[in-house]
Amino acid sequence: MGFLDQLGDVAKSIGKSAGDFAKQVGDKTNDALEINKLNTKISAENAEIEKEKKKLSDALFERFSRGEDIPQEVREFCENIKSHLINIDGFKEEIEKVKAAAAERANNLKEEAQDKADDLKDAVNDVKDKAQDIADNVKDAAQDNADEVKDAVSDTVEEVKDHVEDAKDAVSDAVENVKEDNN
């Protein structure tokens, strides 16, 4: 049984080591969570400090803007802020100029498009009118041709009638001649 006892001791040792390792991992996870919570609290406090600094700087700049006396070491920062605000105003003016130019270009494009649409409409109407004129001319020519054909057919029919009448008379004369010769 010596071997199985040793094997059992090794298994117990491995199980104990695994349990110790799991406990260490759990402890480290808890430590990491606690550190993360504390870092979150530090970030929140820093955000509050930044808000208070902004309020302080806004109050000092407001006093500077009104011409009130402020500490000399703060005056330079206020002058820099004033310079940046002037730059921002200039940029806003440039934005308005760009917007105005864009609006003017858009309006010009709209007018050009309307003019081209009107030109196209006029061209279509011109083509329509020309097509109508051509159709009317073709109709008139067809009517004239039909009238000419009708007249030609009528004339030909009259000629054929005359020829038939002449042939009939000739046959009647021939029949009469034959009758007279037979008598």
C-alpha atoms as a PDB file:
ATOM      1  CA  MET A   1       0.000   0.000   0.000  1.00  0.00           C
ATOM      2  CA  GLY A   2       2.962   2.252   0.156  1.00  0.00           C
ATOM      3  CA  PHE A   3       2.603   3.388  -3.424  1.00  0.00           C
ATOM      4  CA  LEU A   4      -1.089   4.168  -3.158  1.00  0.00           C
ATOM      5  CA  ASP A   5      -0.510   6.063   0.066  1.00  0.00           C
ATOM      6  CA  GLN A   6       2.157   8.134  -1.638  1.00  0.00           C
ATOM      7  CA  LEU A   7      -0.139   8.732  -4.583  1.00  0.00           C
ATOM      8  CA  GLY A   8      -2.901   9.853  -2.196  1.00  0.00           C
ATOM      9  CA  ASP A   9      -0.479  12.221  -0.404  1.00  0.00           C
ATOM     10  CA  VAL A  10       0.571  13.727  -3.761  1.00  0.00           C
ATOM     11  CA  ALA A  11      -3.098  14.188  -4.734  1.00  0.00           C
ATOM     12  CA  LYS A  12      -3.829  15.865  -1.377  1.00  0.00           C
ATOM     13  CA  SER A  13      -0.797  18.095  -1.838  1.00  0.00           C
ATOM     14  CA  ILE A  14      -1.889  19.080  -5.354  1.00  0.00           C
ATOM     15  CA  GLY A  15      -5.437  19.761  -4.130  1.00  0.00           C
ATOM     16  CA  LYS A  16      -4.106  21.923  -1.276  1.00  0.00           C
ATOM     17  CA  SER A  17      -1.831  23.810  -3.693  1.00  0.00           C
ATOM     18  CA  ALA A  18      -4.723  24.365  -6.109  1.00  0.00           C
ATOM     19  CA  GLY A  19      -6.889  25.630  -3.264  1.00  0.00           C
ATOM     20  CA  ASP A  20      -4.126  27.960  -2.095  1.00  0.00           C
ATOM     21  CA  PHE A  21      -3.656  29.199  -5.654  1.00  0.00           C
ATOM     22  CA  ALA A  22      -7.392  29.828  -6.063  1.00  0.00           C
ATOM     23  CA  LYS A  23      -7.415  31.720  -2.741  1.00  0.00           C
ATOM     24  CA  GLN A  24      -4.480  33.855  -3.913  1.00  0.00           C
ATOM     25  CA  VAL A  25      -6.230  34.587  -7.232  1.00  0.00           C
ATOM     26  CA  GLY A  26      -9.399  35.517  -5.349  1.00  0.00           C
ATOM     27  CA  ASP A  27      -7.445  37.767  -2.977  1.00  0.00           C
ATOM     28  CA  LYS A  28      -5.691  39.464  -5.903  1.00  0.00           C
ATOM     29  CA  THR A  29      -9.026  39.946  -7.696  1.00  0.00           C
ATOM     30  CA  ASN A  30     -10.501  41.520  -4.553  1.00  0.00           C
ATOM     31  CA  ASP A  31      -7.428  43.734  -4.207  1.00  0.00           C
ATOM     32  CA  ALA A  32      -7.718  44.816  -7.865  1.00  0.00           C
ATOM     33  CA  LEU A  33     -11.410  45.628  -7.406  1.00  0.00           C
ATOM     34  CA  GLU A  34     -10.678  47.659  -4.291  1.00  0.00           C
ATOM     35  CA  ILE A  35      -7.895  49.552  -6.070  1.00  0.00           C
ATOM     36  CA  ASN A  36     -10.221  50.193  -9.022  1.00  0.00           C
ATOM     37  CA  LYS A  37     -12.907  51.562  -6.685  1.00  0.00           C
ATOM     38  CA  LEU A  38     -10.397  53.862  -5.037  1.00  0.00           C
ATOM     39  CA  ASN A  39      -9.054  55.050  -8.437  1.00  0.00           C
ATOM     40  CA  THR A  40     -12.643  55.800  -9.513  1.00  0.00           C
ATOM     41  CA  LYS A  41     -13.108  57.896  -6.364  1.00  0.00           C
ATOM     42  CA  ILE A  42      -9.830  59.725  -7.073  1.00  0.00           C
ATOM     43  CA  SER A  43     -11.003  60.471 -10.654  1.00  0.00           C
ATOM     44  CA  ALA A  44     -14.315  61.788  -9.346  1.00  0.00           C
ATOM     45  CA  GLU A  45     -12.503  64.047  -6.870  1.00  0.00           C
ATOM     46  CA  ASN A  46     -10.168  65.310  -9.623  1.00  0.00           C
ATOM     47  CA  ALA A  47     -13.202  66.109 -11.793  1.00  0.00           C
ATOM     48  CA  GLU A  48     -14.702  68.125  -8.932  1.00  0.00           C
ATOM     49  CA  ILE A  49     -11.380  69.964  -8.503  1.00  0.00           C
ATOM     50  CA  GLU A  50     -11.391  70.830 -12.238  1.00  0.00           C
ATOM     51  CA  LYS A  51     -14.942  72.175 -11.932  1.00  0.00           C
ATOM     52  CA  GLU A  52     -13.900  74.358  -8.989  1.00  0.00           C
ATOM     53  CA  LYS A  53     -10.786  75.568 -10.855  1.00  0.00           C
ATOM     54  CA  LYS A  54     -12.994  76.518 -13.814  1.00  0.00           C
ATOM     55  CA  LYS A  55     -15.327  78.437 -11.496  1.00  0.00           C
ATOM     56  CA  LEU A  56     -12.323  80.206  -9.979  1.00  0.00           C
ATOM     57  CA  SER A  57     -10.857  81.074 -13.367  1.00  0.00           C
ATOM     58  CA  ASP A  58     -14.271  82.197 -14.662  1.00  0.00           C
ATOM     59  CA  ALA A  59     -14.690  84.468 -11.620  1.00  0.00           C
ATOM     60  CA  LEU A  60     -11.216  85.957 -12.055  1.00  0.00           C
ATOM     61  CA  PHE A  61     -11.688  86.439 -15.785  1.00  0.00           C
ATOM     62  CA  GLU A  62     -15.064  88.087 -15.178  1.00  0.00           C
ATOM     63  CA  ARG A  63     -13.355  90.575 -12.808  1.00  0.00           C
ATOM     64  CA  PHE A  64     -10.629  91.136 -15.428  1.00  0.00           C
ATOM     65  CA  SER A  65     -13.281  91.746 -18.129  1.00  0.00           C
ATOM     66  CA  ARG A  66     -14.998  94.345 -15.958  1.00  0.00           C
ATOM     67  CA  GLY A  67     -11.659  96.096 -15.458  1.00  0.00           C
ATOM     68  CA  GLU A  68     -11.452  95.258 -11.786  1.00  0.00           C
ATOM     69  CA  ASP A  69      -8.152  94.709 -10.027  1.00  0.00           C
ATOM     70  CA  ILE A  70      -6.843  91.126 -10.104  1.00  0.00           C
ATOM     71  CA  PRO A  71      -3.533  89.625  -8.948  1.00  0.00           C
ATOM     72  CA  GLN A  72      -0.661  90.260 -11.366  1.00  0.00           C
ATOM     73  CA  GLU A  73       0.201  86.546 -11.757  1.00  0.00           C
ATOM     74  CA  VAL A  74      -3.353  85.920 -12.962  1.00  0.00           C
ATOM     75  CA  ARG A  75      -3.428  88.918 -15.329  1.00  0.00           C
ATOM     76  CA  GLU A  76      -1.182  87.180 -17.891  1.00  0.00           C
ATOM     77  CA  PHE A  77      -3.523  84.168 -18.033  1.00  0.00           C
ATOM     78  CA  CYS A  78      -6.486  86.492 -18.490  1.00  0.00           C
ATOM     79  CA  GLU A  79      -4.694  88.334 -21.315  1.00  0.00           C
ATOM     80  CA  ASN A  80      -4.049  84.941 -22.997  1.00  0.00           C
ATOM     81  CA  ILE A  81      -7.712  83.974 -22.590  1.00  0.00           C
ATOM     82  CA  LYS A  82      -8.763  87.347 -24.040  1.00  0.00           C
ATOM     83  CA  SER A  83      -6.455  86.776 -27.029  1.00  0.00           C
ATOM     84  CA  HIS A  84      -7.947  83.315 -27.600  1.00  0.00           C
ATOM     85  CA  LEU A  85     -11.496  84.719 -27.381  1.00  0.00           C
ATOM     86  CA  ILE A  86     -10.590  87.360 -29.987  1.00  0.00           C
ATOM     87  CA  ASN A  87      -9.228  84.583 -32.210  1.00  0.00           C
ATOM     88  CA  ILE A  88     -12.473  82.632 -31.728  1.00  0.00           C
ATOM     89  CA  ASP A  89     -14.519  85.699 -32.726  1.00  0.00           C
ATOM     90  CA  GLY A  90     -12.377  86.031 -35.860  1.00  0.00           C
ATOM     91  CA  PHE A  91     -12.911  82.363 -36.673  1.00  0.00           C
ATOM     92  CA  LYS A  92     -16.655  82.774 -36.203  1.00  0.00           C
ATOM     93  CA  GLU A  93     -16.614  85.737 -38.623  1.00  0.00           C
ATOM     94  CA  GLU A  94     -14.703  83.596 -41.140  1.00  0.00           C
ATOM     95  CA  ILE A  95     -17.288  80.832 -40.675  1.00  0.00           C
ATOM     96  CA  GLU A  96     -20.088  83.305 -41.428  1.00  0.00           C
ATOM     97  CA  LYS A  97     -18.218  84.510 -44.527  1.00  0.00           C
ATOM     98  CA  VAL A  98     -17.753  80.925 -45.722  1.00  0.00           C
ATOM     99  CA  LYS A  99     -21.430  80.200 -45.040  1.00  0.00           C
ATOM    100  CA  ALA A 100     -22.477  83.349 -46.934  1.00  0.00           C
ATOM    101  CA  ALA A 101     -20.214  82.471 -49.869  1.00  0.00           C
ATOM    102  CA  ALA A 102     -21.560  78.910 -49.889  1.00  0.00           C
ATOM    103  CA  ALA A 103     -25.142  80.196 -49.798  1.00  0.00           C
ATOM    104  CA  GLU A 104     -24.393  82.584 -52.680  1.00  0.00           C
ATOM    105  CA  ARG A 105     -22.787  79.773 -54.709  1.00  0.00           C
ATOM    106  CA  ALA A 106     -25.768  77.548 -53.977  1.00  0.00           C
ATOM    107  CA  ASN A 107     -28.155  80.310 -55.043  1.00  0.00           C
ATOM    108  CA  ASN A 108     -26.161  80.907 -58.237  1.00  0.00           C
ATOM    109  CA  LEU A 109     -26.191  77.184 -58.997  1.00  0.00           C
ATOM    110  CA  LYS A 110     -29.926  77.102 -58.383  1.00  0.00           C
ATOM    111  CA  GLU A 111     -30.469  80.029 -60.750  1.00  0.00           C
ATOM    112  CA  GLU A 112     -28.206  78.457 -63.381  1.00  0.00           C
ATOM    113  CA  ALA A 113     -30.046  75.163 -63.050  1.00  0.00           C
ATOM    114  CA  GLN A 114     -33.387  76.970 -63.413  1.00  0.00           C
ATOM    115  CA  ASP A 115     -32.104  78.837 -66.477  1.00  0.00           C
ATOM    116  CA  LYS A 116     -30.881  75.583 -68.026  1.00  0.00           C
ATOM    117  CA  ALA A 117     -34.195  73.914 -67.214  1.00  0.00           C
ATOM    118  CA  ASP A 118     -36.030  76.806 -68.872  1.00  0.00           C
ATOM    119  CA  ASP A 119     -33.720  76.589 -71.909  1.00  0.00           C
ATOM    120  CA  LEU A 120     -34.313  72.863 -72.110  1.00  0.00           C
ATOM    121  CA  LYS A 121     -38.061  73.368 -71.828  1.00  0.00           C
ATOM    122  CA  ASP A 122     -37.915  75.943 -74.641  1.00  0.00           C
ATOM    123  CA  ALA A 123     -35.819  73.578 -76.774  1.00  0.00           C
ATOM    124  CA  VAL A 124     -38.286  70.746 -76.167  1.00  0.00           C
ATOM    125  CA  ASN A 125     -41.175  73.035 -77.135  1.00  0.00           C
ATOM    126  CA  ASP A 126     -39.289  74.093 -80.283  1.00  0.00           C
ATOM    127  CA  VAL A 127     -38.704  70.460 -81.233  1.00  0.00           C
ATOM    128  CA  LYS A 128     -42.354  69.693 -80.481  1.00  0.00           C
ATOM    129  CA  ASP A 129     -43.468  72.588 -82.691  1.00  0.00           C
ATOM    130  CA  LYS A 130     -41.129  71.508 -85.507  1.00  0.00           C
ATOM    131  CA  ALA A 131     -42.339  67.931 -85.205  1.00  0.00           C
ATOM    132  CA  GLN A 132     -45.945  69.156 -85.371  1.00  0.00           C
ATOM    133  CA  ASP A 133     -45.109  71.241 -88.463  1.00  0.00           C
ATOM    134  CA  ILE A 134     -43.457  68.221 -90.101  1.00  0.00           C
ATOM    135  CA  ALA A 135     -46.426  66.029 -89.180  1.00  0.00           C
ATOM    136  CA  ASP A 136     -48.811  68.614 -90.624  1.00  0.00           C
ATOM    137  CA  ASN A 137     -46.715  68.835 -93.819  1.00  0.00           C
ATOM    138  CA  VAL A 138     -46.610  65.044 -94.132  1.00  0.00           C
ATOM    139  CA  LYS A 139     -50.372  64.889 -93.569  1.00  0.00           C
ATOM    140  CA  ASP A 140     -50.974  67.582 -96.191  1.00  0.00           C
ATOM    141  CA  ALA A 141     -48.622  65.880 -98.644  1.00  0.00           C
ATOM    142  CA  ALA A 142     -50.307  62.529 -98.011  1.00  0.00           C
ATOM    143  CA  GLN A 143     -53.727  64.123 -98.543  1.00  0.00           C
ATOM    144  CA  ASP A 144     -52.509  65.782-101.754  1.00  0.00           C
ATOM    145  CA  ASN A 145     -51.062  62.453-102.947  1.00  0.00           C
ATOM    146  CA  ALA A 146     -54.284  60.681-102.020  1.00  0.00           C
ATOM    147  CA  ASP A 147     -56.286  63.300-103.915  1.00  0.00           C
ATOM    148  CA  GLU A 148     -53.981  62.962-106.927  1.00  0.00           C
ATOM    149  CA  VAL A 149     -54.234  59.165-106.810  1.00  0.00           C
ATOM    150  CA  LYS A 150     -58.022  59.409-106.488  1.00  0.00           C
ATOM    151  CA  ASP A 151     -58.179  61.785-109.456  1.00  0.00           C
ATOM    152  CA  ALA A 152     -55.840  59.555-111.465  1.00  0.00           C
ATOM    153  CA  VAL A 153     -57.892  56.476-110.591  1.00  0.00           C
ATOM    154  CA  SER A 154     -61.121  58.334-111.508  1.00  0.00           C
ATOM    155  CA  ASP A 155     -59.602  59.456-114.790  1.00  0.00           C
ATOM    156  CA  THR A 156     -58.364  55.913-115.499  1.00  0.00           C
ATOM    157  CA  VAL A 157     -61.789  54.471-114.658  1.00  0.00           C
ATOM    158  CA  GLU A 158     -63.428  56.966-117.031  1.00  0.00           C
ATOM    159  CA  GLU A 159     -60.944  56.064-119.756  1.00  0.00           C
ATOM    160  CA  VAL A 160     -61.559  52.350-119.152  1.00  0.00           C
ATOM    161  CA  LYS A 161     -65.325  53.010-119.325  1.00  0.00           C
ATOM    162  CA  ASP A 162     -64.844  54.870-122.567  1.00  0.00           C
ATOM    163  CA  HIS A 163     -62.744  52.015-123.967  1.00  0.00           C
ATOM    164  CA  VAL A 164     -65.298  49.466-122.788  1.00  0.00           C
ATOM    165  CA  GLU A 165     -68.076  51.532-124.415  1.00  0.00           C
ATOM    166  CA  ASP A 166     -66.031  51.803-127.614  1.00  0.00           C
ATOM    167  CA  ALA A 167     -65.318  48.065-127.488  1.00  0.00           C
ATOM    168  CA  LYS A 168     -68.999  47.366-126.884  1.00  0.00           C
ATOM    169  CA  ASP A 169     -69.952  49.545-129.835  1.00  0.00           C
ATOM    170  CA  ALA A 170     -67.318  47.839-131.936  1.00  0.00           C
ATOM    171  CA  VAL A 171     -68.627  44.402-130.935  1.00  0.00           C
ATOM    172  CA  SER A 172     -72.215  45.522-131.665  1.00  0.00           C
ATOM    173  CA  ASP A 173     -71.115  46.825-135.045  1.00  0.00           C
ATOM    174  CA  ALA A 174     -69.254  43.591-135.728  1.00  0.00           C
ATOM    175  CA  VAL A 175     -72.279  41.545-134.718  1.00  0.00           C
ATOM    176  CA  GLU A 176     -74.459  43.664-137.010  1.00  0.00           C
ATOM    177  CA  ASN A 177     -71.999  43.208-139.835  1.00  0.00           C
ATOM    178  CA  VAL A 178     -71.932  39.489-139.287  1.00  0.00           C
ATOM    179  CA  LYS A 179     -75.738  39.400-139.256  1.00  0.00           C
ATOM    180  CA  GLU A 180     -75.906  41.359-142.440  1.00  0.00           C
ATOM    181  CA  ASP A 181     -73.328  39.176-144.076  1.00  0.00           C
ATOM    182  CA  ASN A 182     -75.253  36.098-143.035  1.00  0.00           C
ATOM    183  CA  ASN A 183     -78.479  37.294-144.407  1.00  0.00           C
END
